[in-house]
PDB file of N, CA and C in Angstrom:
ATOM      1  N   MET A   1      11.389 -21.215 -26.878  1.00  0.00           N
ATOM      2  CA  MET A   1      10.850 -19.876 -26.977  1.00  0.00           C
ATOM      3  C   MET A   1      10.307 -19.465 -25.607  1.00  0.00           C
ATOM      4  N   ILE A   2      10.476 -18.207 -25.263  1.00  0.00           N
ATOM      5  CA  ILE A   2      10.003 -17.707 -23.979  1.00  0.00           C
ATOM      6  C   ILE A   2       8.873 -16.707 -24.205  1.00  0.00           C
ATOM      7  N   ASP A   3       8.113 -16.468 -23.172  1.00  0.00           N
ATOM      8  CA  ASP A   3       7.072 -15.452 -23.217  1.00  0.00           C
ATOM      9  C   ASP A   3       7.706 -14.148 -22.738  1.00  0.00           C
ATOM     10  N   ARG A   4       8.152 -13.327 -23.687  1.00  0.00           N
ATOM     11  CA  ARG A   4       8.865 -12.093 -23.355  1.00  0.00           C
ATOM     12  C   ARG A   4       8.021 -11.140 -22.521  1.00  0.00           C
ATOM     13  N   VAL A   5       6.743 -11.038 -22.859  1.00  0.00           N
ATOM     14  CA  VAL A   5       5.854 -10.123 -22.144  1.00  0.00           C
ATOM     15  C   VAL A   5       5.687 -10.569 -20.693  1.00  0.00           C
ATOM     16  N   ALA A   6       5.470 -11.855 -20.493  1.00  0.00           N
ATOM     17  CA  ALA A   6       5.305 -12.372 -19.125  1.00  0.00           C
ATOM     18  C   ALA A   6       6.576 -12.161 -18.308  1.00  0.00           C
ATOM     19  N   LEU A   7       7.734 -12.410 -18.908  1.00  0.00           N
ATOM     20  CA  LEU A   7       9.001 -12.208 -18.204  1.00  0.00           C
ATOM     21  C   LEU A   7       9.178 -10.735 -17.847  1.00  0.00           C
ATOM     22  N   ALA A   8       8.930  -9.850 -18.802  1.00  0.00           N
ATOM     23  CA  ALA A   8       9.071  -8.412 -18.535  1.00  0.00           C
ATOM     24  C   ALA A   8       8.100  -7.961 -17.454  1.00  0.00           C
ATOM     25  N   ASP A   9       6.872  -8.435 -17.500  1.00  0.00           N
ATOM     26  CA  ASP A   9       5.885  -8.067 -16.482  1.00  0.00           C
ATOM     27  C   ASP A   9       6.307  -8.551 -15.100  1.00  0.00           C
ATOM     28  N   GLU A  10       6.839  -9.764 -15.033  1.00  0.00           N
ATOM     29  CA  GLU A  10       7.278 -10.310 -13.748  1.00  0.00           C
ATOM     30  C   GLU A  10       8.417  -9.474 -13.167  1.00  0.00           C
ATOM     31  N   LEU A  11       9.380  -9.104 -14.006  1.00  0.00           N
ATOM     32  CA  LEU A  11      10.510  -8.317 -13.538  1.00  0.00           C
ATOM     33  C   LEU A  11      10.081  -6.891 -13.193  1.00  0.00           C
ATOM     34  N   ARG A  12       9.198  -6.324 -13.984  1.00  0.00           N
ATOM     35  CA  ARG A  12       8.719  -4.961 -13.746  1.00  0.00           C
ATOM     36  C   ARG A  12       7.987  -4.856 -12.410  1.00  0.00           C
ATOM     37  N   GLY A  13       7.311  -5.915 -12.015  1.00  0.00           N
ATOM     38  CA  GLY A  13       6.550  -5.911 -10.779  1.00  0.00           C
ATOM     39  C   GLY A  13       7.352  -6.301  -9.557  1.00  0.00           C
ATOM     40  N   ASP A  14       8.635  -6.565  -9.712  1.00  0.00           N
ATOM     41  CA  ASP A  14       9.464  -7.001  -8.595  1.00  0.00           C
ATOM     42  C   ASP A  14       9.882  -5.795  -7.751  1.00  0.00           C
ATOM     43  N   PRO A  15       9.455  -5.732  -6.493  1.00  0.00           N
ATOM     44  CA  PRO A  15       9.777  -4.573  -5.659  1.00  0.00           C
ATOM     45  C   PRO A  15      11.280  -4.417  -5.379  1.00  0.00           C
ATOM     46  N   GLU A  16      12.032  -5.519  -5.384  1.00  0.00           N
ATOM     47  CA  GLU A  16      13.476  -5.426  -5.143  1.00  0.00           C
ATOM     48  C   GLU A  16      14.203  -4.741  -6.294  1.00  0.00           C
ATOM     49  N   LEU A  17      13.639  -4.826  -7.494  1.00  0.00           N
ATOM     50  CA  LEU A  17      14.284  -4.217  -8.660  1.00  0.00           C
ATOM     51  C   LEU A  17      13.815  -2.791  -8.898  1.00  0.00           C
ATOM     52  N   ALA A  18      12.746  -2.381  -8.248  1.00  0.00           N
ATOM     53  CA  ALA A  18      12.189  -1.038  -8.445  1.00  0.00           C
ATOM     54  C   ALA A  18      13.231   0.011  -8.086  1.00  0.00           C
ATOM     55  N   GLY A  19      13.397   0.969  -8.953  1.00  0.00           N
ATOM     56  CA  GLY A  19      14.313   2.068  -8.686  1.00  0.00           C
ATOM     57  C   GLY A  19      15.759   1.817  -9.064  1.00  0.00           C
ATOM     58  N   LEU A  20      16.105   0.587  -9.441  1.00  0.00           N
ATOM     59  CA  LEU A  20      17.479   0.316  -9.872  1.00  0.00           C
ATOM     60  C   LEU A  20      17.688   0.877 -11.276  1.00  0.00           C
ATOM     61  N   ASP A  21      18.859   1.404 -11.519  1.00  0.00           N
ATOM     62  CA  ASP A  21      19.209   1.921 -12.836  1.00  0.00           C
ATOM     63  C   ASP A  21      19.883   0.798 -13.615  1.00  0.00           C
ATOM     64  N   VAL A  22      19.056  -0.039 -14.245  1.00  0.00           N
ATOM     65  CA  VAL A  22      19.555  -1.211 -14.952  1.00  0.00           C
ATOM     66  C   VAL A  22      18.861  -1.309 -16.309  1.00  0.00           C
ATOM     67  N   GLU A  23      19.406  -2.163 -17.134  1.00  0.00           N
ATOM     68  CA  GLU A  23      18.831  -2.417 -18.452  1.00  0.00           C
ATOM     69  C   GLU A  23      18.676  -3.920 -18.623  1.00  0.00           C
ATOM     70  N   ILE A  24      17.483  -4.325 -19.058  1.00  0.00           N
ATOM     71  CA  ILE A  24      17.224  -5.738 -19.332  1.00  0.00           C
ATOM     72  C   ILE A  24      16.804  -5.837 -20.787  1.00  0.00           C
ATOM     73  N   ASP A  25      17.612  -6.469 -21.594  1.00  0.00           N
ATOM     74  CA  ASP A  25      17.306  -6.668 -23.008  1.00  0.00           C
ATOM     75  C   ASP A  25      16.739  -8.067 -23.168  1.00  0.00           C
ATOM     76  N   VAL A  26      15.497  -8.158 -23.632  1.00  0.00           N
ATOM     77  CA  VAL A  26      14.826  -9.448 -23.773  1.00  0.00           C
ATOM     78  C   VAL A  26      14.531  -9.707 -25.241  1.00  0.00           C
ATOM     79  N   SER A  27      15.033 -10.814 -25.738  1.00  0.00           N
ATOM     80  CA  SER A  27      14.768 -11.238 -27.108  1.00  0.00           C
ATOM     81  C   SER A  27      14.277 -12.675 -27.069  1.00  0.00           C
ATOM     82  N   GLY A  28      13.167 -12.927 -27.698  1.00  0.00           N
ATOM     83  CA  GLY A  28      12.654 -14.291 -27.764  1.00  0.00           C
ATOM     84  C   GLY A  28      12.930 -14.919 -29.109  1.00  0.00           C
ATOM     85  N   CYS A  29      13.917 -14.392 -29.795  1.00  0.00           N
ATOM     86  CA  CYS A  29      14.182 -14.809 -31.169  1.00  0.00           C
ATOM     87  C   CYS A  29      14.712 -16.240 -31.230  1.00  0.00           C
ATOM     88  N   SER A  30      13.900 -17.135 -31.737  1.00  0.00           N
ATOM     89  CA  SER A  30      14.325 -18.538 -31.834  1.00  0.00           C
ATOM     90  C   SER A  30      15.419 -18.717 -32.883  1.00  0.00           C
ATOM     91  N   ARG A  31      15.476 -17.830 -33.881  1.00  0.00           N
ATOM     92  CA  ARG A  31      16.514 -17.972 -34.902  1.00  0.00           C
ATOM     93  C   ARG A  31      17.895 -17.698 -34.338  1.00  0.00           C
ATOM     94  N   SER A  32      18.027 -16.657 -33.495  1.00  0.00           N
ATOM     95  CA  SER A  32      19.363 -16.382 -32.941  1.00  0.00           C
ATOM     96  C   SER A  32      19.791 -17.504 -32.003  1.00  0.00           C
ATOM     97  N   CYS A  33      18.841 -18.067 -31.273  1.00  0.00           N
ATOM     98  CA  CYS A  33      19.180 -19.177 -30.376  1.00  0.00           C
ATOM     99  C   CYS A  33      19.540 -20.418 -31.177  1.00  0.00           C
ATOM    100  N   ALA A  34      18.791 -20.695 -32.231  1.00  0.00           N
ATOM    101  CA  ALA A  34      19.063 -21.874 -33.053  1.00  0.00           C
ATOM    102  C   ALA A  34      20.419 -21.750 -33.742  1.00  0.00           C
ATOM    103  N   ALA A  35      20.816 -20.522 -34.087  1.00  0.00           N
ATOM    104  CA  ALA A  35      22.108 -20.301 -34.728  1.00  0.00           C
ATOM    105  C   ALA A  35      23.220 -20.207 -33.703  1.00  0.00           C
ATOM    106  N   GLN A  36      22.871 -20.364 -32.424  1.00  0.00           N
ATOM    107  CA  GLN A  36      23.815 -20.299 -31.316  1.00  0.00           C
ATOM    108  C   GLN A  36      24.536 -18.960 -31.253  1.00  0.00           C
ATOM    109  N   GLN A  37      23.822 -17.886 -31.604  1.00  0.00           N
ATOM    110  CA  GLN A  37      24.375 -16.546 -31.449  1.00  0.00           C
ATOM    111  C   GLN A  37      24.195 -16.153 -29.991  1.00  0.00           C
ATOM    112  N   LEU A  38      25.279 -15.961 -29.290  1.00  0.00           N
ATOM    113  CA  LEU A  38      25.213 -15.625 -27.879  1.00  0.00           C
ATOM    114  C   LEU A  38      25.215 -14.110 -27.727  1.00  0.00           C
ATOM    115  N   LEU A  39      24.095 -13.580 -27.308  1.00  0.00           N
ATOM    116  CA  LEU A  39      23.962 -12.153 -27.102  1.00  0.00           C
ATOM    117  C   LEU A  39      24.315 -11.866 -25.649  1.00  0.00           C
ATOM    118  N   VAL A  40      25.369 -11.096 -25.434  1.00  0.00           N
ATOM    119  CA  VAL A  40      25.849 -10.833 -24.084  1.00  0.00           C
ATOM    120  C   VAL A  40      26.233  -9.370 -23.930  1.00  0.00           C
ATOM    121  N   SER A  41      26.406  -8.960 -22.696  1.00  0.00           N
ATOM    122  CA  SER A  41      26.914  -7.635 -22.382  1.00  0.00           C
ATOM    123  C   SER A  41      27.946  -7.776 -21.277  1.00  0.00           C
ATOM    124  N   GLU A  42      28.989  -7.004 -21.359  1.00  0.00           N
ATOM    125  CA  GLU A  42      30.030  -7.012 -20.333  1.00  0.00           C
ATOM    126  C   GLU A  42      29.674  -6.090 -19.174  1.00  0.00           C
ATOM    127  N   ARG A  43      28.678  -5.232 -19.351  1.00  0.00           N
ATOM    128  CA  ARG A  43      28.310  -4.285 -18.302  1.00  0.00           C
ATOM    129  C   ARG A  43      27.540  -4.991 -17.190  1.00  0.00           C
ATOM    130  N   PRO A  44      27.870  -4.742 -15.923  1.00  0.00           N
ATOM    131  CA  PRO A  44      27.181  -5.408 -14.822  1.00  0.00           C
ATOM    132  C   PRO A  44      25.737  -4.941 -14.630  1.00  0.00           C
ATOM    133  N   ASP A  45      25.394  -3.763 -15.182  1.00  0.00           N
ATOM    134  CA  ASP A  45      24.039  -3.235 -15.024  1.00  0.00           C
ATOM    135  C   ASP A  45      23.147  -3.568 -16.216  1.00  0.00           C
ATOM    136  N   VAL A  46      23.625  -4.449 -17.100  1.00  0.00           N
ATOM    137  CA  VAL A  46      22.853  -4.862 -18.275  1.00  0.00           C
ATOM    138  C   VAL A  46      22.735  -6.381 -18.260  1.00  0.00           C
ATOM    139  N   VAL A  47      21.513  -6.852 -18.443  1.00  0.00           N
ATOM    140  CA  VAL A  47      21.246  -8.283 -18.531  1.00  0.00           C
ATOM    141  C   VAL A  47      20.639  -8.551 -19.903  1.00  0.00           C
ATOM    142  N   VAL A  48      21.143  -9.562 -20.593  1.00  0.00           N
ATOM    143  CA  VAL A  48      20.623  -9.923 -21.900  1.00  0.00           C
ATOM    144  C   VAL A  48      19.960 -11.293 -21.812  1.00  0.00           C
ATOM    145  N   VAL A  49      18.666 -11.332 -22.124  1.00  0.00           N
ATOM    146  CA  VAL A  49      17.923 -12.581 -22.174  1.00  0.00           C
ATOM    147  C   VAL A  49      17.600 -12.821 -23.642  1.00  0.00           C
ATOM    148  N   ALA A  50      18.169 -13.876 -24.204  1.00  0.00           N
ATOM    149  CA  ALA A  50      17.938 -14.222 -25.607  1.00  0.00           C
ATOM    150  C   ALA A  50      17.406 -15.640 -25.651  1.00  0.00           C
ATOM    151  N   GLY A  51      16.131 -15.749 -25.921  1.00  0.00           N
ATOM    152  CA  GLY A  51      15.505 -17.060 -25.870  1.00  0.00           C
ATOM    153  C   GLY A  51      15.604 -17.583 -24.448  1.00  0.00           C
ATOM    154  N   CYS A  52      16.138 -18.760 -24.280  1.00  0.00           N
ATOM    155  CA  CYS A  52      16.301 -19.358 -22.946  1.00  0.00           C
ATOM    156  C   CYS A  52      17.722 -19.193 -22.423  1.00  0.00           C
ATOM    157  N   HIS A  53      18.432 -18.174 -22.913  1.00  0.00           N
ATOM    158  CA  HIS A  53      19.803 -17.917 -22.481  1.00  0.00           C
ATOM    159  C   HIS A  53      19.866 -16.602 -21.713  1.00  0.00           C
ATOM    160  N   LEU A  54      20.589 -16.603 -20.624  1.00  0.00           N
ATOM    161  CA  LEU A  54      20.857 -15.386 -19.864  1.00  0.00           C
ATOM    162  C   LEU A  54      22.342 -15.100 -19.992  1.00  0.00           C
ATOM    163  N   ASP A  55      22.668 -13.978 -20.630  1.00  0.00           N
ATOM    164  CA  ASP A  55      24.066 -13.624 -20.870  1.00  0.00           C
ATOM    165  C   ASP A  55      24.842 -14.789 -21.476  1.00  0.00           C
ATOM    166  N   GLY A  56      24.205 -15.480 -22.412  1.00  0.00           N
ATOM    167  CA  GLY A  56      24.859 -16.561 -23.136  1.00  0.00           C
ATOM    168  C   GLY A  56      24.793 -17.914 -22.473  1.00  0.00           C
ATOM    169  N   ARG A  57      24.250 -18.006 -21.264  1.00  0.00           N
ATOM    170  CA  ARG A  57      24.151 -19.293 -20.554  1.00  0.00           C
ATOM    171  C   ARG A  57      22.748 -19.855 -20.713  1.00  0.00           C
ATOM    172  N   PRO A  58      22.612 -21.118 -21.142  1.00  0.00           N
ATOM    173  CA  PRO A  58      21.286 -21.707 -21.267  1.00  0.00           C
ATOM    174  C   PRO A  58      20.666 -21.966 -19.895  1.00  0.00           C
ATOM    175  N   LEU A  59      19.384 -21.644 -19.773  1.00  0.00           N
ATOM    176  CA  LEU A  59      18.643 -21.871 -18.533  1.00  0.00           C
ATOM    177  C   LEU A  59      17.266 -22.414 -18.855  1.00  0.00           C
ATOM    178  N   ASP A  60      16.671 -23.041 -17.871  1.00  0.00           N
ATOM    179  CA  ASP A  60      15.273 -23.438 -17.983  1.00  0.00           C
ATOM    180  C   ASP A  60      14.449 -22.153 -18.000  1.00  0.00           C
ATOM    181  N   PRO A  61      13.458 -22.031 -18.892  1.00  0.00           N
ATOM    182  CA  PRO A  61      12.651 -20.802 -18.955  1.00  0.00           C
ATOM    183  C   PRO A  61      12.052 -20.404 -17.609  1.00  0.00           C
ATOM    184  N   ALA A  62      11.720 -21.363 -16.781  1.00  0.00           N
ATOM    185  CA  ALA A  62      11.129 -21.064 -15.480  1.00  0.00           C
ATOM    186  C   ALA A  62      12.139 -20.407 -14.533  1.00  0.00           C
ATOM    187  N   GLU A  63      13.427 -20.531 -14.823  1.00  0.00           N
ATOM    188  CA  GLU A  63      14.474 -19.969 -13.969  1.00  0.00           C
ATOM    189  C   GLU A  63      14.953 -18.598 -14.417  1.00  0.00           C
ATOM    190  N   LEU A  64      14.504 -18.118 -15.580  1.00  0.00           N
ATOM    191  CA  LEU A  64      15.034 -16.874 -16.129  1.00  0.00           C
ATOM    192  C   LEU A  64      14.819 -15.674 -15.208  1.00  0.00           C
ATOM    193  N   ALA A  65      13.601 -15.468 -14.745  1.00  0.00           N
ATOM    194  CA  ALA A  65      13.311 -14.283 -13.924  1.00  0.00           C
ATOM    195  C   ALA A  65      14.160 -14.288 -12.657  1.00  0.00           C
ATOM    196  N   ALA A  66      14.277 -15.421 -11.996  1.00  0.00           N
ATOM    197  CA  ALA A  66      15.074 -15.508 -10.771  1.00  0.00           C
ATOM    198  C   ALA A  66      16.549 -15.241 -11.061  1.00  0.00           C
ATOM    199  N   ALA A  67      17.046 -15.745 -12.174  1.00  0.00           N
ATOM    200  CA  ALA A  67      18.448 -15.535 -12.532  1.00  0.00           C
ATOM    201  C   ALA A  67      18.709 -14.062 -12.859  1.00  0.00           C
ATOM    202  N   VAL A  68      17.775 -13.415 -13.538  1.00  0.00           N
ATOM    203  CA  VAL A  68      17.907 -11.984 -13.834  1.00  0.00           C
ATOM    204  C   VAL A  68      17.950 -11.198 -12.529  1.00  0.00           C
ATOM    205  N   ARG A  69      17.033 -11.497 -11.617  1.00  0.00           N
ATOM    206  CA  ARG A  69      17.015 -10.820 -10.308  1.00  0.00           C
ATOM    207  C   ARG A  69      18.358 -10.961  -9.598  1.00  0.00           C
ATOM    208  N   ARG A  70      18.865 -12.205  -9.533  1.00  0.00           N
ATOM    209  CA  ARG A  70      20.130 -12.451  -8.844  1.00  0.00           C
ATOM    210  C   ARG A  70      21.261 -11.615  -9.446  1.00  0.00           C
ATOM    211  N   LYS A  71      21.340 -11.611 -10.771  1.00  0.00           N
ATOM    212  CA  LYS A  71      22.429 -10.870 -11.413  1.00  0.00           C
ATOM    213  C   LYS A  71      22.307  -9.377 -11.126  1.00  0.00           C
ATOM    214  N   LEU A  72      21.115  -8.829 -11.260  1.00  0.00           N
ATOM    215  CA  LEU A  72      20.955  -7.383 -11.057  1.00  0.00           C
ATOM    216  C   LEU A  72      21.179  -6.982  -9.608  1.00  0.00           C
ATOM    217  N   LEU A  73      20.687  -7.765  -8.688  1.00  0.00           N
ATOM    218  CA  LEU A  73      20.858  -7.425  -7.286  1.00  0.00           C
ATOM    219  C   LEU A  73      22.314  -7.602  -6.845  1.00  0.00           C
ATOM    220  N   THR A  74      23.005  -8.589  -7.400  1.00  0.00           N
ATOM    221  CA  THR A  74      24.408  -8.812  -7.095  1.00  0.00           C
ATOM    222  C   THR A  74      25.273  -7.685  -7.668  1.00  0.00           C
ATOM    223  N   SER A  75      24.898  -7.184  -8.845  1.00  0.00           N
ATOM    224  CA  SER A  75      25.693  -6.126  -9.482  1.00  0.00           C
ATOM    225  C   SER A  75      25.619  -4.811  -8.705  1.00  0.00           C
ATOM    226  N   LYS A  76      24.609  -4.655  -7.865  1.00  0.00           N
ATOM    227  CA  LYS A  76      24.437  -3.415  -7.107  1.00  0.00           C
ATOM    228  C   LYS A  76      25.058  -3.469  -5.725  1.00  0.00           C
ATOM    229  N   GLU A  77      25.636  -4.608  -5.364  1.00  0.00           N
ATOM    230  CA  GLU A  77      26.252  -4.736  -4.024  1.00  0.00           C
ATOM    231  C   GLU A  77      27.629  -4.117  -3.998  1.00  0.00           C
TER     232      GLU A  77
END
């Protein structure tokens, strides 16, 4: 389980992401993760965080914010 509020606050306060037209969908639902439901988006400007998964890939919770940043900043290049 992740702290959705802490993750959202960390991303919201990131100056590199300020002003980008992106969407970050954050779900801390342990049931969807336990059922291995992979919540993903094909759009480069949308990032889906479901439990400890980013776009369906499992990550360490401590790495989620950095991985979200990388994906969003890469999608804008």
